[in-house]
Amino acid sequence: MINYSNSEEKEVLLHYAEQFDDGNAREVLNNETLKSESEAKAFAEFYWRIVDIAAERNTDEPANISNTESLVYTMTNFFSQQGYEDLWDQILDDI
């Protein structure tokens, strides 16, 4: 289960899952579970792609540094609960 800090977090993730046409991200968001390491890796990369957009700060984008900073805690907790904390940390180290 993804424990969002607020409803905006889920809205931002769903927006980008649709914008990127990312079926994996949509599935994870709908099921709120990670079924495999490859799915977890793809979902982590999806999140960091959103952070990249926020860092560029296009005013037409819903992602911004403020909500991606709060969302990182949500994602860290989700990956930890799903047993992929080491993978999350590895991807974070590689950024």
PDB file of N, CA and C in Angstrom:
ATOM      1  N   MET A   1       0.843  -1.177   0.000  1.00  0.00           N
ATOM      2  CA  MET A   1       0.000   0.000   0.000  1.00  0.00           C
ATOM      3  C   MET A   1       0.891   1.244   0.000  1.00  0.00           C
ATOM      4  N   ILE A   2       0.496   2.215  -0.781  1.00  0.00           N
ATOM      5  CA  ILE A   2       1.218   3.482  -0.812  1.00  0.00           C
ATOM      6  C   ILE A   2       0.527   4.438   0.155  1.00  0.00           C
ATOM      7  N   ASN A   3       1.255   4.876   1.161  1.00  0.00           N
ATOM      8  CA  ASN A   3       0.716   5.810   2.150  1.00  0.00           C
ATOM      9  C   ASN A   3       1.093   7.234   1.753  1.00  0.00           C
ATOM     10  N   TYR A   4       0.224   7.850   0.971  1.00  0.00           N
ATOM     11  CA  TYR A   4       0.474   9.206   0.493  1.00  0.00           C
ATOM     12  C   TYR A   4       0.348  10.206   1.629  1.00  0.00           C
ATOM     13  N   SER A   5       1.186  11.234   1.591  1.00  0.00           N
ATOM     14  CA  SER A   5       1.102  12.318   2.575  1.00  0.00           C
ATOM     15  C   SER A   5      -0.116  13.198   2.317  1.00  0.00           C
ATOM     16  N   ASN A   6      -0.488  13.303   1.018  1.00  0.00           N
ATOM     17  CA  ASN A   6      -1.648  14.098   0.643  1.00  0.00           C
ATOM     18  C   ASN A   6      -2.141  13.622  -0.724  1.00  0.00           C
ATOM     19  N   SER A   7      -3.316  14.043  -1.110  1.00  0.00           N
ATOM     20  CA  SER A   7      -3.910  13.586  -2.372  1.00  0.00           C
ATOM     21  C   SER A   7      -3.147  14.096  -3.588  1.00  0.00           C
ATOM     22  N   GLU A   8      -2.459  15.216  -3.448  1.00  0.00           N
ATOM     23  CA  GLU A   8      -1.701  15.778  -4.571  1.00  0.00           C
ATOM     24  C   GLU A   8      -0.598  14.825  -5.035  1.00  0.00           C
ATOM     25  N   GLU A   9      -0.001  14.098  -4.108  1.00  0.00           N
ATOM     26  CA  GLU A   9       1.061  13.164  -4.482  1.00  0.00           C
ATOM     27  C   GLU A   9       0.571  12.130  -5.485  1.00  0.00           C
ATOM     28  N   LYS A  10      -0.547  11.523  -5.197  1.00  0.00           N
ATOM     29  CA  LYS A  10      -1.086  10.511  -6.109  1.00  0.00           C
ATOM     30  C   LYS A  10      -1.468  11.136  -7.444  1.00  0.00           C
ATOM     31  N   GLU A  11      -2.047  12.316  -7.405  1.00  0.00           N
ATOM     32  CA  GLU A  11      -2.436  13.010  -8.640  1.00  0.00           C
ATOM     33  C   GLU A  11      -1.222  13.272  -9.534  1.00  0.00           C
ATOM     34  N   VAL A  12      -0.114  13.700  -8.936  1.00  0.00           N
ATOM     35  CA  VAL A  12       1.104  13.970  -9.700  1.00  0.00           C
ATOM     36  C   VAL A  12       1.611  12.679 -10.335  1.00  0.00           C
ATOM     37  N   LEU A  13       1.665  11.605  -9.558  1.00  0.00           N
ATOM     38  CA  LEU A  13       2.142  10.330 -10.094  1.00  0.00           C
ATOM     39  C   LEU A  13       1.246   9.824 -11.218  1.00  0.00           C
ATOM     40  N   LEU A  14      -0.052   9.893 -11.033  1.00  0.00           N
ATOM     41  CA  LEU A  14      -0.977   9.443 -12.076  1.00  0.00           C
ATOM     42  C   LEU A  14      -0.861  10.297 -13.332  1.00  0.00           C
ATOM     43  N   HIS A  15      -0.701  11.598 -13.151  1.00  0.00           N
ATOM     44  CA  HIS A  15      -0.528  12.498 -14.292  1.00  0.00           C
ATOM     45  C   HIS A  15       0.653  12.062 -15.151  1.00  0.00           C
ATOM     46  N   TYR A  16       1.786  11.814 -14.508  1.00  0.00           N
ATOM     47  CA  TYR A  16       2.977  11.450 -15.268  1.00  0.00           C
ATOM     48  C   TYR A  16       2.921  10.023 -15.805  1.00  0.00           C
ATOM     49  N   ALA A  17       2.264   9.138 -15.118  1.00  0.00           N
ATOM     50  CA  ALA A  17       2.094   7.787 -15.662  1.00  0.00           C
ATOM     51  C   ALA A  17       1.340   7.866 -16.982  1.00  0.00           C
ATOM     52  N   GLU A  18       0.334   8.733 -17.026  1.00  0.00           N
ATOM     53  CA  GLU A  18      -0.419   8.928 -18.271  1.00  0.00           C
ATOM     54  C   GLU A  18       0.411   9.678 -19.308  1.00  0.00           C
ATOM     55  N   GLN A  19       1.062  10.758 -18.894  1.00  0.00           N
ATOM     56  CA  GLN A  19       1.844  11.566 -19.828  1.00  0.00           C
ATOM     57  C   GLN A  19       2.969  10.749 -20.469  1.00  0.00           C
ATOM     58  N   PHE A  20       3.629   9.906 -19.677  1.00  0.00           N
ATOM     59  CA  PHE A  20       4.723   9.086 -20.188  1.00  0.00           C
ATOM     60  C   PHE A  20       4.212   7.808 -20.854  1.00  0.00           C
ATOM     61  N   ASP A  21       2.897   7.587 -20.783  1.00  0.00           N
ATOM     62  CA  ASP A  21       2.291   6.342 -21.279  1.00  0.00           C
ATOM     63  C   ASP A  21       3.020   5.141 -20.678  1.00  0.00           C
ATOM     64  N   ASP A  22       3.161   5.188 -19.356  1.00  0.00           N
ATOM     65  CA  ASP A  22       3.923   4.187 -18.612  1.00  0.00           C
ATOM     66  C   ASP A  22       2.972   3.181 -17.972  1.00  0.00           C
ATOM     67  N   GLY A  23       2.764   2.078 -18.662  1.00  0.00           N
ATOM     68  CA  GLY A  23       1.857   1.040 -18.169  1.00  0.00           C
ATOM     69  C   GLY A  23       2.314   0.438 -16.861  1.00  0.00           C
ATOM     70  N   ASN A  24       3.625   0.276 -16.679  1.00  0.00           N
ATOM     71  CA  ASN A  24       4.150  -0.265 -15.431  1.00  0.00           C
ATOM     72  C   ASN A  24       3.791   0.658 -14.266  1.00  0.00           C
ATOM     73  N   ALA A  25       4.019   1.951 -14.430  1.00  0.00           N
ATOM     74  CA  ALA A  25       3.717   2.901 -13.355  1.00  0.00           C
ATOM     75  C   ALA A  25       2.222   2.906 -13.046  1.00  0.00           C
ATOM     76  N   ARG A  26       1.389   2.876 -14.086  1.00  0.00           N
ATOM     77  CA  ARG A  26      -0.063   2.832 -13.855  1.00  0.00           C
ATOM     78  C   ARG A  26      -0.452   1.593 -13.069  1.00  0.00           C
ATOM     79  N   GLU A  27       0.135   0.457 -13.421  1.00  0.00           N
ATOM     80  CA  GLU A  27      -0.188  -0.788 -12.715  1.00  0.00           C
ATOM     81  C   GLU A  27       0.224  -0.723 -11.253  1.00  0.00           C
ATOM     82  N   VAL A  28       1.435  -0.224 -10.995  1.00  0.00           N
ATOM     83  CA  VAL A  28       1.891  -0.102  -9.605  1.00  0.00           C
ATOM     84  C   VAL A  28       0.981   0.848  -8.831  1.00  0.00           C
ATOM     85  N   LEU A  29       0.633   1.976  -9.433  1.00  0.00           N
ATOM     86  CA  LEU A  29      -0.221   2.943  -8.748  1.00  0.00           C
ATOM     87  C   LEU A  29      -1.615   2.401  -8.490  1.00  0.00           C
ATOM     88  N   ASN A  30      -2.145   1.633  -9.424  1.00  0.00           N
ATOM     89  CA  ASN A  30      -3.482   1.051  -9.235  1.00  0.00           C
ATOM     90  C   ASN A  30      -3.486  -0.081  -8.220  1.00  0.00           C
ATOM     91  N   ASN A  31      -2.443  -0.927  -8.252  1.00  0.00           N
ATOM     92  CA  ASN A  31      -2.390  -2.089  -7.355  1.00  0.00           C
ATOM     93  C   ASN A  31      -1.719  -1.786  -6.025  1.00  0.00           C
ATOM     94  N   GLU A  32      -0.946  -0.695  -5.997  1.00  0.00           N
ATOM     95  CA  GLU A  32      -0.193  -0.282  -4.815  1.00  0.00           C
ATOM     96  C   GLU A  32       0.692  -1.401  -4.287  1.00  0.00           C
ATOM     97  N   THR A  33       1.336  -2.102  -5.214  1.00  0.00           N
ATOM     98  CA  THR A  33       2.268  -3.160  -4.845  1.00  0.00           C
ATOM     99  C   THR A  33       3.333  -3.295  -5.922  1.00  0.00           C
ATOM    100  N   LEU A  34       4.485  -3.789  -5.516  1.00  0.00           N
ATOM    101  CA  LEU A  34       5.571  -4.078  -6.448  1.00  0.00           C
ATOM    102  C   LEU A  34       5.708  -5.590  -6.532  1.00  0.00           C
ATOM    103  N   LYS A  35       5.581  -6.137  -7.738  1.00  0.00           N
ATOM    104  CA  LYS A  35       5.544  -7.587  -7.907  1.00  0.00           C
ATOM    105  C   LYS A  35       6.896  -8.218  -8.200  1.00  0.00           C
ATOM    106  N   SER A  36       7.866  -7.408  -8.623  1.00  0.00           N
ATOM    107  CA  SER A  36       9.171  -7.963  -8.974  1.00  0.00           C
ATOM    108  C   SER A  36      10.232  -6.883  -8.882  1.00  0.00           C
ATOM    109  N   GLU A  37      11.472  -7.316  -8.909  1.00  0.00           N
ATOM    110  CA  GLU A  37      12.579  -6.367  -8.868  1.00  0.00           C
ATOM    111  C   GLU A  37      12.588  -5.491 -10.111  1.00  0.00           C
ATOM    112  N   SER A  38      12.290  -6.079 -11.259  1.00  0.00           N
ATOM    113  CA  SER A  38      12.294  -5.271 -12.489  1.00  0.00           C
ATOM    114  C   SER A  38      11.174  -4.230 -12.465  1.00  0.00           C
ATOM    115  N   GLU A  39      10.023  -4.596 -11.915  1.00  0.00           N
ATOM    116  CA  GLU A  39       8.929  -3.633 -11.790  1.00  0.00           C
ATOM    117  C   GLU A  39       9.317  -2.526 -10.810  1.00  0.00           C
ATOM    118  N   ALA A  40       9.962  -2.898  -9.721  1.00  0.00           N
ATOM    119  CA  ALA A  40      10.397  -1.916  -8.726  1.00  0.00           C
ATOM    120  C   ALA A  40      11.417  -0.958  -9.328  1.00  0.00           C
ATOM    121  N   LYS A  41      12.364  -1.496 -10.094  1.00  0.00           N
ATOM    122  CA  LYS A  41      13.380  -0.646 -10.720  1.00  0.00           C
ATOM    123  C   LYS A  41      12.733   0.332 -11.702  1.00  0.00           C
ATOM    124  N   ALA A  42      11.828  -0.152 -12.521  1.00  0.00           N
ATOM    125  CA  ALA A  42      11.151   0.715 -13.494  1.00  0.00           C
ATOM    126  C   ALA A  42      10.339   1.796 -12.792  1.00  0.00           C
ATOM    127  N   PHE A  43       9.689   1.445 -11.683  1.00  0.00           N
ATOM    128  CA  PHE A  43       8.881   2.427 -10.954  1.00  0.00           C
ATOM    129  C   PHE A  43       9.775   3.483 -10.294  1.00  0.00           C
ATOM    130  N   ALA A  44      10.914   3.070  -9.766  1.00  0.00           N
ATOM    131  CA  ALA A  44      11.862   4.029  -9.182  1.00  0.00           C
ATOM    132  C   ALA A  44      12.370   4.976 -10.256  1.00  0.00           C
ATOM    133  N   GLU A  45      12.699   4.455 -11.418  1.00  0.00           N
ATOM    134  CA  GLU A  45      13.171   5.301 -12.519  1.00  0.00           C
ATOM    135  C   GLU A  45      12.076   6.264 -12.976  1.00  0.00           C
ATOM    136  N   PHE A  46      10.834   5.804 -12.960  1.00  0.00           N
ATOM    137  CA  PHE A  46       9.691   6.662 -13.271  1.00  0.00           C
ATOM    138  C   PHE A  46       9.647   7.849 -12.299  1.00  0.00           C
ATOM    139  N   TYR A  47       9.787   7.570 -11.010  1.00  0.00           N
ATOM    140  CA  TYR A  47       9.761   8.648 -10.018  1.00  0.00           C
ATOM    141  C   TYR A  47      10.890   9.658 -10.260  1.00  0.00           C
ATOM    142  N   TRP A  48      12.093   9.173 -10.494  1.00  0.00           N
ATOM    143  CA  TRP A  48      13.225  10.088 -10.667  1.00  0.00           C
ATOM    144  C   TRP A  48      13.111  10.864 -11.971  1.00  0.00           C
ATOM    145  N   ARG A  49      12.409  10.332 -12.926  1.00  0.00           N
ATOM    146  CA  ARG A  49      12.139  11.092 -14.159  1.00  0.00           C
ATOM    147  C   ARG A  49      11.249  12.297 -13.830  1.00  0.00           C
ATOM    148  N   ILE A  50      10.295  12.098 -12.931  1.00  0.00           N
ATOM    149  CA  ILE A  50       9.440  13.201 -12.486  1.00  0.00           C
ATOM    150  C   ILE A  50      10.279  14.263 -11.770  1.00  0.00           C
ATOM    151  N   VAL A  51      11.194  13.840 -10.926  1.00  0.00           N
ATOM    152  CA  VAL A  51      12.062  14.776 -10.211  1.00  0.00           C
ATOM    153  C   VAL A  51      12.877  15.598 -11.206  1.00  0.00           C
ATOM    154  N   ASP A  52      13.369  14.954 -12.260  1.00  0.00           N
ATOM    155  CA  ASP A  52      14.114  15.688 -13.289  1.00  0.00           C
ATOM    156  C   ASP A  52      13.253  16.790 -13.905  1.00  0.00           C
ATOM    157  N   ILE A  53      12.005  16.490 -14.174  1.00  0.00           N
ATOM    158  CA  ILE A  53      11.093  17.490 -14.737  1.00  0.00           C
ATOM    159  C   ILE A  53      10.882  18.629 -13.742  1.00  0.00           C
ATOM    160  N   ALA A  54      10.712  18.288 -12.468  1.00  0.00           N
ATOM    161  CA  ALA A  54      10.516  19.316 -11.442  1.00  0.00           C
ATOM    162  C   ALA A  54      11.745  20.211 -11.331  1.00  0.00           C
ATOM    163  N   ALA A  55      12.912  19.617 -11.471  1.00  0.00           N
ATOM    164  CA  ALA A  55      14.148  20.400 -11.372  1.00  0.00           C
ATOM    165  C   ALA A  55      14.265  21.388 -12.534  1.00  0.00           C
ATOM    166  N   GLU A  56      13.749  20.995 -13.693  1.00  0.00           N
ATOM    167  CA  GLU A  56      13.755  21.897 -14.844  1.00  0.00           C
ATOM    168  C   GLU A  56      12.746  23.025 -14.654  1.00  0.00           C
ATOM    169  N   ARG A  57      11.756  22.770 -13.871  1.00  0.00           N
ATOM    170  CA  ARG A  57      10.692  23.685 -13.458  1.00  0.00           C
ATOM    171  C   ARG A  57       9.995  24.395 -14.610  1.00  0.00           C
ATOM    172  N   ASN A  58       9.395  23.598 -15.440  1.00  0.00           N
ATOM    173  CA  ASN A  58       8.501  24.117 -16.473  1.00  0.00           C
ATOM    174  C   ASN A  58       7.201  24.490 -15.761  1.00  0.00           C
ATOM    175  N   THR A  59       6.772  25.724 -15.864  1.00  0.00           N
ATOM    176  CA  THR A  59       5.596  26.189 -15.115  1.00  0.00           C
ATOM    177  C   THR A  59       4.315  25.493 -15.512  1.00  0.00           C
ATOM    178  N   ASP A  60       4.299  24.825 -16.660  1.00  0.00           N
ATOM    179  CA  ASP A  60       3.097  24.096 -17.073  1.00  0.00           C
ATOM    180  C   ASP A  60       3.026  22.700 -16.469  1.00  0.00           C
ATOM    181  N   GLU A  61       4.039  22.303 -15.739  1.00  0.00           N
ATOM    182  CA  GLU A  61       4.088  20.961 -15.177  1.00  0.00           C
ATOM    183  C   GLU A  61       3.531  20.944 -13.754  1.00  0.00           C
ATOM    184  N   PRO A  62       2.790  19.887 -13.392  1.00  0.00           N
ATOM    185  CA  PRO A  62       2.270  19.794 -12.022  1.00  0.00           C
ATOM    186  C   PRO A  62       3.336  19.443 -10.993  1.00  0.00           C
ATOM    187  N   ALA A  63       4.425  18.812 -11.427  1.00  0.00           N
ATOM    188  CA  ALA A  63       5.487  18.474 -10.480  1.00  0.00           C
ATOM    189  C   ALA A  63       6.300  19.725 -10.165  1.00  0.00           C
ATOM    190  N   ASN A  64       6.615  19.885  -8.891  1.00  0.00           N
ATOM    191  CA  ASN A  64       7.512  20.958  -8.499  1.00  0.00           C
ATOM    192  C   ASN A  64       8.403  20.434  -7.381  1.00  0.00           C
ATOM    193  N   ILE A  65       9.435  21.170  -7.098  1.00  0.00           N
ATOM    194  CA  ILE A  65      10.402  20.698  -6.111  1.00  0.00           C
ATOM    195  C   ILE A  65       9.735  20.430  -4.766  1.00  0.00           C
ATOM    196  N   SER A  66       8.797  21.232  -4.379  1.00  0.00           N
ATOM    197  CA  SER A  66       8.117  21.054  -3.095  1.00  0.00           C
ATOM    198  C   SER A  66       7.402  19.708  -3.014  1.00  0.00           C
ATOM    199  N   ASN A  67       6.575  19.380  -4.020  1.00  0.00           N
ATOM    200  CA  ASN A  67       5.836  18.121  -3.898  1.00  0.00           C
ATOM    201  C   ASN A  67       6.704  16.907  -4.193  1.00  0.00           C
ATOM    202  N   THR A  68       7.782  17.051  -4.967  1.00  0.00           N
ATOM    203  CA  THR A  68       8.652  15.897  -5.172  1.00  0.00           C
ATOM    204  C   THR A  68       9.498  15.625  -3.938  1.00  0.00           C
ATOM    205  N   GLU A  69       9.791  16.664  -3.157  1.00  0.00           N
ATOM    206  CA  GLU A  69      10.519  16.450  -1.907  1.00  0.00           C
ATOM    207  C   GLU A  69       9.665  15.687  -0.897  1.00  0.00           C
ATOM    208  N   SER A  70       8.397  16.015  -0.789  1.00  0.00           N
ATOM    209  CA  SER A  70       7.544  15.265   0.139  1.00  0.00           C
ATOM    210  C   SER A  70       7.281  13.857  -0.396  1.00  0.00           C
ATOM    211  N   LEU A  71       7.190  13.753  -1.698  1.00  0.00           N
ATOM    212  CA  LEU A  71       6.907  12.454  -2.319  1.00  0.00           C
ATOM    213  C   LEU A  71       8.067  11.474  -2.161  1.00  0.00           C
ATOM    214  N   VAL A  72       9.285  11.972  -2.040  1.00  0.00           N
ATOM    215  CA  VAL A  72      10.424  11.072  -1.866  1.00  0.00           C
ATOM    216  C   VAL A  72      10.269  10.260  -0.579  1.00  0.00           C
ATOM    217  N   TYR A  73       9.714  10.843   0.466  1.00  0.00           N
ATOM    218  CA  TYR A  73       9.483  10.108   1.709  1.00  0.00           C
ATOM    219  C   TYR A  73       8.414   9.033   1.505  1.00  0.00           C
ATOM    220  N   THR A  74       7.383   9.377   0.767  1.00  0.00           N
ATOM    221  CA  THR A  74       6.330   8.417   0.466  1.00  0.00           C
ATOM    222  C   THR A  74       6.905   7.242  -0.324  1.00  0.00           C
ATOM    223  N   MET A  75       7.713   7.547  -1.334  1.00  0.00           N
ATOM    224  CA  MET A  75       8.298   6.491  -2.172  1.00  0.00           C
ATOM    225  C   MET A  75       9.297   5.646  -1.381  1.00  0.00           C
ATOM    226  N   THR A  76      10.111   6.290  -0.548  1.00  0.00           N
ATOM    227  CA  THR A  76      11.070   5.544   0.270  1.00  0.00           C
ATOM    228  C   THR A  76      10.345   4.556   1.173  1.00  0.00           C
ATOM    229  N   ASN A  77       9.275   5.002   1.809  1.00  0.00           N
ATOM    230  CA  ASN A  77       8.500   4.125   2.689  1.00  0.00           C
ATOM    231  C   ASN A  77       7.841   2.998   1.900  1.00  0.00           C
ATOM    232  N   PHE A  78       7.307   3.307   0.723  1.00  0.00           N
ATOM    233  CA  PHE A  78       6.660   2.297  -0.104  1.00  0.00           C
ATOM    234  C   PHE A  78       7.658   1.217  -0.520  1.00  0.00           C
ATOM    235  N   PHE A  79       8.812   1.629  -1.014  1.00  0.00           N
ATOM    236  CA  PHE A  79       9.822   0.647  -1.423  1.00  0.00           C
ATOM    237  C   PHE A  79      10.277  -0.189  -0.233  1.00  0.00           C
ATOM    238  N   SER A  80      10.420   0.421   0.913  1.00  0.00           N
ATOM    239  CA  SER A  80      10.817  -0.307   2.117  1.00  0.00           C
ATOM    240  C   SER A  80       9.759  -1.334   2.513  1.00  0.00           C
ATOM    241  N   GLN A  81       8.492  -0.923   2.526  1.00  0.00           N
ATOM    242  CA  GLN A  81       7.393  -1.835   2.872  1.00  0.00           C
ATOM    243  C   GLN A  81       7.295  -3.008   1.899  1.00  0.00           C
ATOM    244  N   GLN A  82       7.658  -2.767   0.645  1.00  0.00           N
ATOM    245  CA  GLN A  82       7.554  -3.797  -0.387  1.00  0.00           C
ATOM    246  C   GLN A  82       8.803  -4.687  -0.446  1.00  0.00           C
ATOM    247  N   GLY A  83       9.807  -4.382   0.377  1.00  0.00           N
ATOM    248  CA  GLY A  83      11.016  -5.200   0.424  1.00  0.00           C
ATOM    249  C   GLY A  83      12.072  -4.808  -0.600  1.00  0.00           C
ATOM    250  N   TYR A  84      11.973  -3.603  -1.152  1.00  0.00           N
ATOM    251  CA  TYR A  84      12.916  -3.140  -2.165  1.00  0.00           C
ATOM    252  C   TYR A  84      13.697  -1.906  -1.721  1.00  0.00           C
ATOM    253  N   GLU A  85      13.915  -1.782  -0.446  1.00  0.00           N
ATOM    254  CA  GLU A  85      14.647  -0.631   0.076  1.00  0.00           C
ATOM    255  C   GLU A  85      16.075  -0.580  -0.473  1.00  0.00           C
ATOM    256  N   ASP A  86      16.745  -1.737  -0.569  1.00  0.00           N
ATOM    257  CA  ASP A  86      18.111  -1.759  -1.089  1.00  0.00           C
ATOM    258  C   ASP A  86      18.147  -1.314  -2.545  1.00  0.00           C
ATOM    259  N   LEU A  87      17.171  -1.741  -3.332  1.00  0.00           N
ATOM    260  CA  LEU A  87      17.093  -1.332  -4.738  1.00  0.00           C
ATOM    261  C   LEU A  87      16.882   0.185  -4.828  1.00  0.00           C
ATOM    262  N   TRP A  88      15.967   0.710  -4.032  1.00  0.00           N
ATOM    263  CA  TRP A  88      15.709   2.150  -3.996  1.00  0.00           C
ATOM    264  C   TRP A  88      16.989   2.904  -3.667  1.00  0.00           C
ATOM    265  N   ASP A  89      17.704   2.434  -2.634  1.00  0.00           N
ATOM    266  CA  ASP A  89      18.953   3.087  -2.231  1.00  0.00           C
ATOM    267  C   ASP A  89      20.001   3.012  -3.341  1.00  0.00           C
ATOM    268  N   GLN A  90      20.073   1.875  -4.023  1.00  0.00           N
ATOM    269  CA  GLN A  90      21.041   1.704  -5.109  1.00  0.00           C
ATOM    270  C   GLN A  90      20.754   2.676  -6.242  1.00  0.00           C
ATOM    271  N   ILE A  91      19.491   2.800  -6.619  1.00  0.00           N
ATOM    272  CA  ILE A  91      19.126   3.725  -7.692  1.00  0.00           C
ATOM    273  C   ILE A  91      19.404   5.157  -7.267  1.00  0.00           C
ATOM    274  N   LEU A  92      19.115   5.484  -6.031  1.00  0.00           N
ATOM    275  CA  LEU A  92      19.401   6.816  -5.513  1.00  0.00           C
ATOM    276  C   LEU A  92      20.900   7.105  -5.575  1.00  0.00           C
ATOM    277  N   ASP A  93      21.714   6.118  -5.224  1.00  0.00           N
ATOM    278  CA  ASP A  93      23.166   6.284  -5.278  1.00  0.00           C
ATOM    279  C   ASP A  93      23.663   6.498  -6.698  1.00  0.00           C
ATOM    280  N   ASP A  94      22.976   5.890  -7.678  1.00  0.00           N
ATOM    281  CA  ASP A  94      23.393   5.971  -9.070  1.00  0.00           C
ATOM    282  C   ASP A  94      23.003   7.293  -9.744  1.00  0.00           C
ATOM    283  N   ILE A  95      22.161   8.054  -9.077  1.00  0.00           N
ATOM    284  CA  ILE A  95      21.672   9.313  -9.690  1.00  0.00           C
ATOM    285  C   ILE A  95      22.734  10.385  -9.603  1.00  0.00           C
TER     286      ILE A  95
END
